[in-house]
Amino acid sequence: VLQLRETVLQQKETIGSQREAIRELTGKLSRCEGTDGKSAAGTWKNEVGKGKDTMGDLPRDPAQVIDQLSRTMQTLKDRLESLEHQLRANVSYAALPSDLREMLQRRLGDLERQLLSKVAELEDEKSLLHNETSAHRQKTETALNALLERVSELEKGNSAFKSPDEFKVSLPLRTNYLYGKIKKTLPELYAFTVCLWLRSSASPGIGTPFSYAVPGQANEIVLIEWGNNPIELLINDKVAQLPLFISDGKWHHICITWTTRDGMWEAFQDGEKLGTGENLAPWHPIKPGGVLILGQEQDTVGGRFDATQAFVGEMSQFNIWDRVLKAEDIMNIANCSINMPGNIIPWVDNNVDVFGGATKWPVETCEERLLDL
């Protein structure tokens, strides 16, 4: 750059001196054209005599003098244009590195911004992929754990019973700590059918085969035979006495239906309808989310049992439907024509827990229970 600057300065000085020579020659040419040949020749002669002839020994002929001056002036103009062109070229070459540097810096800046933007996008994609992978892994692990638990339950059930529903719950003592518990709860119900097999010879009264309690109402649904009283059905603490007789130590199939419309109820024993009635808690929906206990009457939700109200005996095939079953369906279930599990509470091993010494045993076949009637 410094060398180019020096060259430019030198060329500027050369151009300046040549411009002065051009102006001087132009002035002389003008004077020659304004005078005749004699005066012009005399003028050049005097100048030569005075030692001022800067162009050398010029011809005496005015026409030749003019022609020579024209060629000299043209040559000087050509040299001047060449120098100006070279100067412009040198200036452009001198400026080129700075322009190139700025252009490269701008390009590098753009590339750097694009690179940073791409890196940020990749980081975002990496984070999203990590989150999706973690969520997918957690979902997969949850599904696998649930599957393993289900397999374990099935293996446990199959190790004790041939089928998940071929078992009975035995409650041999009248205590306040032997009971079974249904793991599932009830939804809101406007009608139901409860069926189960019972065998008991306890006296007085068989106790409480099942009870369903909800917050604020411990006697939401209760089936109880207490003392010398007849067997009773309680719904929302309202009572209906049922014409059932099941304390003879034999297996009996019991079904109870109820609907909130007019509080209509029906009682079936061994497939036959023995009683019906109405006005049992009419227009009261069964509340959801309570606790369903086998063998004990609840004074609070899930607890405060009374030994005098406990069920003594065995039970099996406890099923609940959210509708009133037809009489023929109940008959077919009781005489072993069909196996119809409850759509709300089905009788399966992994849905029943036992506590306090209550046990689960393989149950007699349905046909064997029929022979016991």
Protein backbone atom coordinates (compact mmCIF):
# COMPACT_ATOMS: atom_id res chain seq x y z
CA VAL A 1 0.00 0.00 0.00
CA LEU A 2 2.82 2.42 0.87
CA GLN A 3 4.57 1.64 -2.44
CA LEU A 4 1.36 2.26 -4.34
CA ARG A 5 0.89 5.55 -2.53
CA GLU A 6 4.47 6.64 -3.47
CA THR A 7 3.89 5.60 -7.08
CA VAL A 8 0.68 7.60 -7.20
CA LEU A 9 2.43 10.71 -5.82
CA GLN A 10 5.23 10.38 -8.34
CA GLN A 11 2.77 9.97 -11.19
CA LYS A 12 0.80 12.98 -9.97
CA GLU A 13 4.03 15.06 -10.09
CA THR A 14 4.83 13.75 -13.57
CA ILE A 15 1.33 14.56 -14.76
CA GLY A 16 1.59 18.05 -13.29
CA SER A 17 4.89 18.80 -15.10
CA GLN A 18 3.54 17.37 -18.35
CA ARG A 19 0.42 19.48 -18.03
CA GLU A 20 2.66 22.56 -17.67
CA ALA A 21 4.54 21.54 -20.84
CA ILE A 22 1.24 21.01 -22.65
CA ARG A 23 0.02 24.46 -21.64
CA GLU A 24 3.31 25.98 -22.81
CA LEU A 25 3.18 24.17 -26.17
CA THR A 26 -0.48 25.05 -26.59
CA GLY A 27 0.38 28.74 -26.07
CA LYS A 28 3.15 28.57 -28.62
CA LEU A 29 0.91 26.82 -31.12
CA SER A 30 -1.67 29.54 -30.72
CA ARG A 31 0.87 32.24 -31.37
CA CYS A 32 2.13 30.44 -34.43
CA GLU A 33 -1.34 30.07 -35.86
CA GLY A 34 -2.05 33.80 -35.25
CA THR A 35 0.92 35.07 -37.22
CA ASP A 36 2.26 34.51 -40.70
CA GLY A 37 5.15 32.33 -41.55
CA LYS A 38 7.76 35.15 -41.58
CA SER A 39 6.94 36.52 -38.25
CA ALA A 40 6.70 32.99 -36.89
CA ALA A 41 10.08 32.12 -38.36
CA GLY A 42 11.58 35.30 -36.96
CA THR A 43 10.13 34.57 -33.60
CA TRP A 44 11.54 31.05 -33.45
CA LYS A 45 14.87 32.43 -34.74
CA ASN A 46 15.06 35.02 -32.00
CA GLU A 47 14.10 32.43 -29.37
CA VAL A 48 16.78 30.11 -30.65
CA GLY A 49 19.26 32.93 -30.62
CA LYS A 50 18.34 33.71 -27.03
CA GLY A 51 18.77 30.04 -26.01
CA LYS A 52 15.07 29.44 -25.31
CA ASP A 53 14.45 26.73 -27.90
CA THR A 54 13.11 23.92 -25.73
CA MET A 55 12.02 21.77 -28.66
CA GLY A 56 15.42 21.45 -30.38
CA ASP A 57 16.18 22.60 -33.89
CA LEU A 58 12.71 23.11 -35.36
CA PRO A 59 12.13 23.39 -39.11
CA ARG A 60 11.98 26.88 -40.57
CA ASP A 61 8.78 26.16 -42.51
CA PRO A 62 5.77 27.40 -40.50
CA ALA A 63 3.65 24.51 -41.79
CA GLN A 64 6.23 22.02 -40.61
CA VAL A 65 6.45 23.78 -37.25
CA ILE A 66 2.71 23.54 -36.77
CA ASP A 67 2.67 19.89 -37.79
CA GLN A 68 5.53 19.07 -35.45
CA LEU A 69 3.87 20.84 -32.52
CA SER A 70 0.62 19.02 -33.20
CA ARG A 71 2.33 15.63 -33.16
CA THR A 72 4.21 16.50 -29.99
CA MET A 73 1.05 17.70 -28.28
CA GLN A 74 -0.80 14.52 -29.33
CA THR A 75 2.01 12.37 -27.99
CA LEU A 76 1.92 14.23 -24.69
CA LYS A 77 -1.89 13.81 -24.50
CA ASP A 78 -1.53 10.07 -25.14
CA ARG A 79 1.06 9.80 -22.42
CA LEU A 80 -1.17 11.80 -20.08
CA GLU A 81 -4.17 9.54 -20.73
CA SER A 82 -1.99 6.47 -20.19
CA LEU A 83 -0.78 7.87 -16.88
CA GLU A 84 -4.32 8.77 -15.77
CA HIS A 85 -5.54 5.27 -16.70
CA GLN A 86 -2.64 3.73 -14.81
CA LEU A 87 -3.37 6.01 -11.87
CA ARG A 88 -7.00 4.94 -11.77
CA ALA A 89 -5.95 1.33 -12.01
CA ASN A 90 -3.45 1.77 -9.19
CA VAL A 91 -6.00 3.53 -7.04
CA SER A 92 -8.53 0.77 -7.63
CA TYR A 93 -5.91 -1.87 -6.85
CA ALA A 94 -4.98 -0.01 -3.70
CA ALA A 95 -8.61 0.13 -2.61
CA LEU A 96 -9.34 -3.44 -3.57
CA PRO A 97 -7.88 -5.10 -0.43
CA SER A 98 -9.96 -2.86 1.86
CA ASP A 99 -13.17 -3.55 -0.07
CA LEU A 100 -12.37 -7.23 -0.21
CA ARG A 101 -11.69 -7.23 3.53
CA GLU A 102 -15.02 -5.55 4.27
CA MET A 103 -16.84 -7.91 1.93
CA LEU A 104 -15.18 -10.93 3.55
CA GLN A 105 -16.01 -9.62 7.01
CA ARG A 106 -19.64 -9.16 6.05
CA ARG A 107 -19.74 -12.62 4.52
CA LEU A 108 -18.07 -14.16 7.56
CA GLY A 109 -20.54 -12.35 9.81
CA ASP A 110 -23.47 -13.73 7.83
CA LEU A 111 -22.01 -17.23 7.91
CA GLU A 112 -21.40 -16.96 11.65
CA ARG A 113 -24.99 -15.87 12.30
CA GLN A 114 -26.32 -18.71 10.13
CA LEU A 115 -24.08 -21.18 11.97
CA LEU A 116 -25.25 -19.95 15.38
CA SER A 117 -28.88 -20.14 14.25
CA LYS A 118 -28.38 -23.70 13.02
CA VAL A 119 -26.65 -24.67 16.28
CA ALA A 120 -29.57 -23.22 18.26
CA GLU A 121 -32.07 -25.16 16.12
CA LEU A 122 -30.08 -28.36 16.65
CA GLU A 123 -30.00 -27.74 20.40
CA ASP A 124 -33.79 -27.23 20.43
CA GLU A 125 -34.32 -30.40 18.40
CA LYS A 126 -31.99 -32.28 20.75
CA SER A 127 -33.93 -31.04 23.79
CA LEU A 128 -37.29 -31.94 22.24
CA LEU A 129 -35.98 -35.35 21.24
CA HIS A 130 -34.69 -35.93 24.76
CA ASN A 131 -38.05 -34.94 26.29
CA GLU A 132 -39.98 -37.12 23.85
CA THR A 133 -37.61 -40.01 24.49
CA SER A 134 -37.98 -39.63 28.27
CA ALA A 135 -41.78 -39.46 28.04
CA HIS A 136 -41.86 -42.46 25.72
CA ARG A 137 -39.52 -44.40 28.02
CA GLN A 138 -41.66 -43.55 31.06
CA LYS A 139 -44.86 -44.54 29.24
CA THR A 140 -43.27 -47.79 28.11
CA GLU A 141 -42.02 -48.58 31.60
CA THR A 142 -45.47 -47.87 33.06
CA ALA A 143 -47.11 -50.16 30.52
CA LEU A 144 -44.54 -52.88 31.18
CA ASN A 145 -44.99 -52.58 34.95
CA ALA A 146 -48.76 -52.84 34.58
CA LEU A 147 -48.32 -55.86 32.33
CA LEU A 148 -45.95 -57.51 34.81
CA GLU A 149 -48.40 -56.88 37.65
CA ARG A 150 -51.21 -58.36 35.58
CA VAL A 151 -49.09 -61.42 34.75
CA SER A 152 -48.18 -61.81 38.42
CA GLU A 153 -51.83 -61.59 39.42
CA LEU A 154 -52.81 -64.15 36.82
CA GLU A 155 -50.00 -66.45 37.89
CA LYS A 156 -51.02 -66.06 41.51
CA GLY A 157 -54.65 -66.71 40.67
CA ASN A 158 -53.88 -69.70 38.49
CA SER A 159 -51.68 -71.19 41.15
CA ALA A 160 -54.63 -71.29 43.59
CA PHE A 161 -57.69 -71.66 41.34
CA LYS A 162 -58.37 -73.21 37.98
CA SER A 163 -60.21 -70.07 36.92
CA PRO A 164 -60.05 -66.51 38.36
CA ASP A 165 -63.70 -66.74 39.52
CA GLU A 166 -63.61 -70.27 40.97
CA PHE A 167 -62.97 -69.32 44.57
CA LYS A 168 -64.88 -68.58 47.75
CA VAL A 169 -64.24 -66.34 50.75
CA SER A 170 -64.43 -68.08 54.10
CA LEU A 171 -65.31 -66.12 57.27
CA PRO A 172 -65.46 -68.82 59.98
CA LEU A 173 -65.66 -66.64 63.12
CA ARG A 174 -67.94 -63.88 64.31
CA THR A 175 -65.36 -61.13 64.91
CA ASN A 176 -64.89 -57.50 63.99
CA TYR A 177 -61.64 -58.13 62.08
CA LEU A 178 -62.38 -60.90 59.55
CA TYR A 179 -63.60 -59.44 56.29
CA GLY A 180 -63.08 -59.18 52.58
CA LYS A 181 -62.78 -55.99 50.55
CA ILE A 182 -63.69 -55.32 46.93
CA LYS A 183 -60.94 -53.27 45.29
CA LYS A 184 -63.27 -51.58 42.81
CA THR A 185 -65.85 -49.03 43.85
CA LEU A 186 -69.31 -48.24 42.50
CA PRO A 187 -70.19 -45.46 40.07
CA GLU A 188 -73.37 -43.46 40.54
CA LEU A 189 -76.22 -45.92 40.09
CA TYR A 190 -79.93 -45.46 39.40
CA ALA A 191 -80.56 -49.20 39.43
CA PHE A 192 -78.64 -52.33 40.35
CA THR A 193 -78.76 -56.10 40.69
CA VAL A 194 -76.64 -57.89 43.29
CA CYS A 195 -76.24 -61.68 43.14
CA LEU A 196 -74.12 -64.05 45.26
CA TRP A 197 -73.88 -67.58 46.58
CA LEU A 198 -74.07 -67.94 50.40
CA ARG A 199 -73.68 -70.75 52.87
CA SER A 200 -74.14 -70.08 56.59
CA SER A 201 -75.59 -71.77 59.67
CA ALA A 202 -74.82 -68.98 62.11
CA SER A 203 -77.34 -68.13 64.75
CA PRO A 204 -78.90 -65.86 65.66
CA GLY A 205 -78.78 -64.40 62.15
CA ILE A 206 -76.09 -64.86 59.50
CA GLY A 207 -74.81 -61.30 59.93
CA THR A 208 -73.88 -58.93 57.09
CA PRO A 209 -72.94 -60.57 53.78
CA PHE A 210 -71.97 -57.17 52.29
CA SER A 211 -72.16 -53.44 52.96
CA TYR A 212 -71.42 -50.34 50.87
CA ALA A 213 -70.61 -47.07 52.65
CA VAL A 214 -69.97 -43.59 51.28
CA PRO A 215 -68.90 -40.38 53.02
CA GLY A 216 -71.87 -39.11 54.98
CA GLN A 217 -73.84 -42.36 54.71
CA ALA A 218 -72.46 -45.62 56.13
CA ASN A 219 -75.64 -47.53 55.14
CA GLU A 220 -75.78 -46.67 51.44
CA ILE A 221 -76.39 -50.35 50.55
CA VAL A 222 -76.47 -53.08 53.23
CA LEU A 223 -77.74 -56.68 53.30
CA ILE A 224 -77.99 -57.88 56.90
CA GLU A 225 -79.63 -60.51 59.08
CA TRP A 226 -79.03 -59.46 62.67
CA GLY A 227 -80.24 -61.27 65.73
CA ASN A 228 -83.73 -62.68 65.39
CA ASN A 229 -84.75 -60.07 62.82
CA PRO A 230 -85.55 -61.08 59.23
CA ILE A 231 -82.97 -60.40 56.54
CA GLU A 232 -83.08 -56.74 55.56
CA LEU A 233 -82.00 -54.56 52.64
CA LEU A 234 -80.93 -51.01 53.54
CA ILE A 235 -80.55 -48.28 50.91
CA ASN A 236 -79.64 -44.80 52.10
CA ASP A 237 -80.50 -46.07 55.61
CA LYS A 238 -84.08 -46.92 54.49
CA VAL A 239 -85.12 -50.52 55.27
CA ALA A 240 -87.05 -53.23 53.43
CA GLN A 241 -87.52 -56.71 54.93
CA LEU A 242 -86.86 -59.55 52.48
CA PRO A 243 -88.62 -62.94 52.57
CA LEU A 244 -85.35 -64.92 52.33
CA PHE A 245 -84.36 -67.96 54.43
CA ILE A 246 -80.70 -68.84 54.08
CA SER A 247 -79.41 -69.89 57.53
CA ASP A 248 -79.72 -73.66 57.08
CA GLY A 249 -76.04 -74.32 56.34
CA LYS A 250 -76.64 -74.99 52.63
CA TRP A 251 -75.56 -73.11 49.52
CA HIS A 252 -78.18 -70.65 48.32
CA HIS A 253 -78.17 -68.29 45.36
CA ILE A 254 -79.43 -64.80 46.32
CA CYS A 255 -80.29 -61.96 43.94
CA ILE A 256 -81.63 -58.51 44.86
CA THR A 257 -82.74 -55.88 42.32
CA TRP A 258 -83.56 -52.23 42.97
CA THR A 259 -84.35 -49.13 40.94
CA THR A 260 -84.55 -45.54 42.06
CA ARG A 261 -87.84 -45.13 40.20
CA ASP A 262 -90.43 -45.49 42.98
CA GLY A 263 -87.84 -47.44 45.00
CA MET A 264 -88.91 -50.77 43.44
CA TRP A 265 -87.10 -53.90 44.72
CA GLU A 266 -87.19 -57.66 44.11
CA ALA A 267 -85.75 -60.58 46.08
CA PHE A 268 -84.78 -63.91 44.48
CA GLN A 269 -83.64 -67.10 46.20
CA ASP A 270 -82.30 -70.00 44.15
CA GLY A 271 -83.71 -68.46 40.97
CA GLU A 272 -87.27 -67.88 42.25
CA LYS A 273 -88.77 -64.48 43.05
CA LEU A 274 -89.90 -64.61 46.68
CA GLY A 275 -90.77 -60.99 47.23
CA THR A 276 -91.13 -57.50 45.73
CA GLY A 277 -91.89 -54.04 47.03
CA GLU A 278 -91.56 -50.32 46.47
CA ASN A 279 -90.86 -47.01 48.15
CA LEU A 280 -87.37 -48.08 49.24
CA ALA A 281 -85.34 -44.85 49.01
CA PRO A 282 -87.26 -43.71 45.92
CA TRP A 283 -85.49 -41.30 43.53
CA HIS A 284 -82.23 -41.64 45.45
CA PRO A 285 -79.20 -42.36 43.24
CA ILE A 286 -76.53 -44.60 44.75
CA LYS A 287 -73.54 -42.39 45.46
CA PRO A 288 -70.19 -43.25 43.85
CA GLY A 289 -66.72 -43.63 45.31
CA GLY A 290 -67.54 -45.61 48.45
CA VAL A 291 -66.09 -48.77 50.03
CA LEU A 292 -67.56 -52.24 49.46
CA ILE A 293 -66.94 -54.72 52.32
CA LEU A 294 -67.75 -58.44 52.46
CA GLY A 295 -68.73 -59.88 55.84
CA GLN A 296 -68.96 -56.72 57.96
CA GLU A 297 -71.36 -53.80 58.49
CA GLN A 298 -69.63 -50.42 58.32
CA ASP A 299 -70.36 -47.68 60.83
CA THR A 300 -67.81 -45.45 59.10
CA VAL A 301 -66.44 -45.71 55.57
CA GLY A 302 -64.25 -48.81 55.56
CA GLY A 303 -64.26 -49.44 59.31
CA ARG A 304 -65.77 -49.50 62.82
CA PHE A 305 -67.13 -53.01 62.49
CA ASP A 306 -69.43 -54.64 65.09
CA ALA A 307 -68.73 -58.32 65.77
CA THR A 308 -72.41 -59.00 66.47
CA GLN A 309 -73.24 -57.95 62.90
CA ALA A 310 -70.44 -59.92 61.19
CA PHE A 311 -71.19 -62.60 58.62
CA VAL A 312 -70.23 -66.17 59.50
CA GLY A 313 -69.95 -68.65 56.66
CA GLU A 314 -68.80 -68.75 53.03
CA MET A 315 -69.67 -66.73 49.97
CA SER A 316 -68.82 -66.78 46.26
CA GLN A 317 -69.80 -65.29 42.89
CA PHE A 318 -70.55 -61.81 44.28
CA ASN A 319 -71.50 -59.78 41.17
CA ILE A 320 -73.13 -56.37 40.66
CA TRP A 321 -74.80 -54.99 37.51
CA ASP A 322 -75.92 -51.41 36.89
CA ARG A 323 -79.42 -52.50 35.79
CA VAL A 324 -82.31 -54.71 36.86
CA LEU A 325 -81.71 -58.18 35.45
CA LYS A 326 -84.60 -60.07 33.94
CA ALA A 327 -86.12 -62.90 35.94
CA GLU A 328 -85.08 -65.47 33.32
CA ASP A 329 -81.45 -64.26 33.49
CA ILE A 330 -81.48 -64.66 37.26
CA MET A 331 -82.95 -68.15 36.91
CA ASN A 332 -80.29 -69.14 34.37
CA ILE A 333 -77.50 -67.89 36.63
CA ALA A 334 -78.95 -69.75 39.63
CA ASN A 335 -79.34 -73.10 37.82
CA CYS A 336 -75.83 -72.85 36.26
CA SER A 337 -77.13 -72.43 32.70
CA ILE A 338 -75.00 -69.33 32.08
CA ASN A 339 -71.96 -67.65 33.62
CA MET A 340 -72.72 -63.93 33.63
CA PRO A 341 -70.21 -61.75 35.52
CA GLY A 342 -71.30 -58.34 36.79
CA ASN A 343 -70.52 -55.42 34.51
CA ILE A 344 -69.82 -53.15 37.50
CA ILE A 345 -68.32 -55.57 40.05
CA PRO A 346 -67.27 -58.97 38.67
CA TRP A 347 -66.20 -61.84 40.93
CA VAL A 348 -62.50 -62.28 40.13
CA ASP A 349 -59.63 -63.18 42.39
CA ASN A 350 -57.54 -60.05 41.84
CA ASN A 351 -60.51 -57.83 42.77
CA VAL A 352 -60.98 -59.31 46.26
CA ASP A 353 -58.64 -58.86 49.24
CA VAL A 354 -59.11 -60.70 52.56
CA PHE A 355 -58.06 -59.51 56.03
CA GLY A 356 -57.89 -60.64 59.66
CA GLY A 357 -57.80 -64.38 58.97
CA ALA A 358 -60.42 -64.52 56.26
CA THR A 359 -59.30 -66.90 53.50
CA LYS A 360 -59.89 -67.68 49.85
CA TRP A 361 -60.38 -71.32 48.86
CA PRO A 362 -61.32 -73.18 45.69
CA VAL A 363 -65.10 -73.30 45.49
CA GLU A 364 -67.33 -76.21 44.68
CA THR A 365 -68.62 -76.27 41.13
CA CYS A 366 -71.95 -74.68 40.37
CA GLU A 367 -73.51 -78.13 39.87
CA GLU A 368 -72.20 -79.27 43.27
CA ARG A 369 -73.74 -76.21 44.89
CA LEU A 370 -77.06 -77.06 43.22
CA LEU A 371 -76.95 -80.55 44.74
CA ASP A 372 -76.58 -78.91 48.16
CA LEU A 373 -79.93 -77.14 47.86
